């Protein structure tokens, strides 16, 4: 299944309380469960006025559907072309 990075512009995202982040997470899980097709939320990073999410889905359209049904923005949805890290330099 393709992996996508979703950029969500949310002013004050880094000021959201633990309770607010819990609510957002619960809503996302609820929407994923109701999509009726393969979809996995891997992780999200809160940074400044944005939340960057990593999801696996059949298509970018499904990612956008998740955002629409959840009521959270998907300002930019980009399919991941490759994953690299320190081990990449060693060829492992």
C-alpha atoms as a PDB file:
ATOM      1  CA  UNK A   1       0.000   0.000   0.000  1.00  0.00           C
ATOM      2  CA  UNK A   2       1.405   3.453  -0.847  1.00  0.00           C
ATOM      3  CA  UNK A   3       2.586   5.724   1.954  1.00  0.00           C
ATOM      4  CA  UNK A   4       1.641   9.405   2.066  1.00  0.00           C
ATOM      5  CA  UNK A   5       2.868  12.423   3.990  1.00  0.00           C
ATOM      6  CA  UNK A   6       0.004  14.791   4.800  1.00  0.00           C
ATOM      7  CA  UNK A   7       0.694  18.398   5.715  1.00  0.00           C
ATOM      8  CA  UNK A   8      -2.082  19.923   7.789  1.00  0.00           C
ATOM      9  CA  UNK A   9      -2.009  23.686   8.369  1.00  0.00           C
ATOM     10  CA  UNK A  10      -3.513  24.284  11.804  1.00  0.00           C
ATOM     11  CA  UNK A  11      -2.660  27.644  13.365  1.00  0.00           C
ATOM     12  CA  UNK A  12      -1.435  27.067  16.914  1.00  0.00           C
ATOM     13  CA  UNK A  13      -1.072  23.309  16.447  1.00  0.00           C
ATOM     14  CA  UNK A  14       1.935  23.271  18.764  1.00  0.00           C
ATOM     15  CA  UNK A  15      -0.240  24.838  21.477  1.00  0.00           C
ATOM     16  CA  UNK A  16      -2.925  22.124  21.376  1.00  0.00           C
ATOM     17  CA  UNK A  17      -3.420  20.498  24.763  1.00  0.00           C
ATOM     18  CA  UNK A  18      -2.995  16.792  25.422  1.00  0.00           C
ATOM     19  CA  UNK A  19      -6.784  16.567  25.675  1.00  0.00           C
ATOM     20  CA  UNK A  20      -7.269  18.258  22.284  1.00  0.00           C
ATOM     21  CA  UNK A  21      -4.690  15.979  20.659  1.00  0.00           C
ATOM     22  CA  UNK A  22      -6.464  12.985  22.197  1.00  0.00           C
ATOM     23  CA  UNK A  23      -9.790  14.174  20.690  1.00  0.00           C
ATOM     24  CA  UNK A  24      -8.220  14.651  17.258  1.00  0.00           C
ATOM     25  CA  UNK A  25      -6.630  11.191  17.463  1.00  0.00           C
ATOM     26  CA  UNK A  26      -9.901   9.558  18.494  1.00  0.00           C
ATOM     27  CA  UNK A  27     -11.746  11.236  15.605  1.00  0.00           C
ATOM     28  CA  UNK A  28      -9.070  10.099  13.145  1.00  0.00           C
ATOM     29  CA  UNK A  29      -9.309   6.510  14.433  1.00  0.00           C
ATOM     30  CA  UNK A  30     -13.097   6.642  14.150  1.00  0.00           C
ATOM     31  CA  UNK A  31     -12.921   7.806  10.536  1.00  0.00           C
ATOM     32  CA  UNK A  32     -10.292   5.183   9.639  1.00  0.00           C
ATOM     33  CA  UNK A  33     -12.553   2.459  11.063  1.00  0.00           C
ATOM     34  CA  UNK A  34     -15.475   3.712   8.987  1.00  0.00           C
ATOM     35  CA  UNK A  35     -13.689   4.067   5.647  1.00  0.00           C
ATOM     36  CA  UNK A  36     -14.434   0.479   4.659  1.00  0.00           C
ATOM     37  CA  UNK A  37     -11.098  -0.006   2.942  1.00  0.00           C
ATOM     38  CA  UNK A  38      -7.459  -0.572   3.887  1.00  0.00           C
ATOM     39  CA  UNK A  39      -6.031   2.479   5.648  1.00  0.00           C
ATOM     40  CA  UNK A  40      -3.402   2.877   8.341  1.00  0.00           C
ATOM     41  CA  UNK A  41      -2.365   5.951  10.273  1.00  0.00           C
ATOM     42  CA  UNK A  42       1.329   5.427  11.048  1.00  0.00           C
ATOM     43  CA  UNK A  43       2.306   8.546  13.022  1.00  0.00           C
ATOM     44  CA  UNK A  44       2.013  12.326  13.178  1.00  0.00           C
ATOM     45  CA  UNK A  45       4.365  15.138  14.130  1.00  0.00           C
ATOM     46  CA  UNK A  46       3.129  18.425  15.611  1.00  0.00           C
ATOM     47  CA  UNK A  47       5.443  21.302  14.676  1.00  0.00           C
ATOM     48  CA  UNK A  48       4.594  24.987  14.824  1.00  0.00           C
ATOM     49  CA  UNK A  49       1.386  25.682  12.911  1.00  0.00           C
ATOM     50  CA  UNK A  50       1.378  22.304  11.164  1.00  0.00           C
ATOM     51  CA  UNK A  51       0.791  18.649  11.788  1.00  0.00           C
ATOM     52  CA  UNK A  52       2.645  16.260   9.493  1.00  0.00           C
ATOM     53  CA  UNK A  53       1.057  12.827   9.248  1.00  0.00           C
ATOM     54  CA  UNK A  54       2.237   9.575   7.719  1.00  0.00           C
ATOM     55  CA  UNK A  55      -0.559   7.328   6.460  1.00  0.00           C
ATOM     56  CA  UNK A  56      -0.832   4.267   4.243  1.00  0.00           C
ATOM     57  CA  UNK A  57      -3.781   4.183   1.852  1.00  0.00           C
ATOM     58  CA  UNK A  58      -4.759   2.915  -1.577  1.00  0.00           C
ATOM     59  CA  UNK A  59      -4.699   6.452  -3.034  1.00  0.00           C
ATOM     60  CA  UNK A  60      -4.353  10.155  -2.273  1.00  0.00           C
ATOM     61  CA  UNK A  61      -8.104  10.437  -2.825  1.00  0.00           C
ATOM     62  CA  UNK A  62      -8.728   8.107   0.128  1.00  0.00           C
ATOM     63  CA  UNK A  63      -6.372  10.229   2.258  1.00  0.00           C
ATOM     64  CA  UNK A  64      -8.376  13.329   1.295  1.00  0.00           C
ATOM     65  CA  UNK A  65     -11.610  11.506   2.098  1.00  0.00           C
ATOM     66  CA  UNK A  66     -10.259  10.677   5.569  1.00  0.00           C
ATOM     67  CA  UNK A  67      -9.443  14.369   6.103  1.00  0.00           C
ATOM     68  CA  UNK A  68     -12.844  15.549   4.862  1.00  0.00           C
ATOM     69  CA  UNK A  69     -14.811  13.068   6.954  1.00  0.00           C
ATOM     70  CA  UNK A  70     -12.656  13.849  10.001  1.00  0.00           C
ATOM     71  CA  UNK A  71     -12.981  17.589   9.627  1.00  0.00           C
ATOM     72  CA  UNK A  72      -9.250  18.231   9.574  1.00  0.00           C
ATOM     73  CA  UNK A  73      -7.355  19.894   6.716  1.00  0.00           C
ATOM     74  CA  UNK A  74      -5.122  18.080   4.274  1.00  0.00           C
ATOM     75  CA  UNK A  75      -3.280  21.085   2.879  1.00  0.00           C
ATOM     76  CA  UNK A  76      -0.867  18.901   0.933  1.00  0.00           C
ATOM     77  CA  UNK A  77      -0.856  15.138   0.275  1.00  0.00           C
ATOM     78  CA  UNK A  78       2.358  13.681  -1.168  1.00  0.00           C
ATOM     79  CA  UNK A  79       3.131  10.055  -1.969  1.00  0.00           C
ATOM     80  CA  UNK A  80       6.432   8.879  -0.485  1.00  0.00           C
ATOM     81  CA  UNK A  81       8.898   7.886  -3.222  1.00  0.00           C
ATOM     82  CA  UNK A  82      11.603   6.441  -0.955  1.00  0.00           C
ATOM     83  CA  UNK A  83      12.605   6.146   2.680  1.00  0.00           C
ATOM     84  CA  UNK A  84      16.221   6.851   3.626  1.00  0.00           C
ATOM     85  CA  UNK A  85      18.217   7.107   6.829  1.00  0.00           C
ATOM     86  CA  UNK A  86      21.744   6.695   8.180  1.00  0.00           C
ATOM     87  CA  UNK A  87      21.871   3.052   7.069  1.00  0.00           C
ATOM     88  CA  UNK A  88      21.209   4.124   3.464  1.00  0.00           C
ATOM     89  CA  UNK A  89      24.754   5.518   3.269  1.00  0.00           C
ATOM     90  CA  UNK A  90      26.123   2.109   4.254  1.00  0.00           C
ATOM     91  CA  UNK A  91      23.995   0.344   1.672  1.00  0.00           C
ATOM     92  CA  UNK A  92      22.053  -1.552   4.310  1.00  0.00           C
END
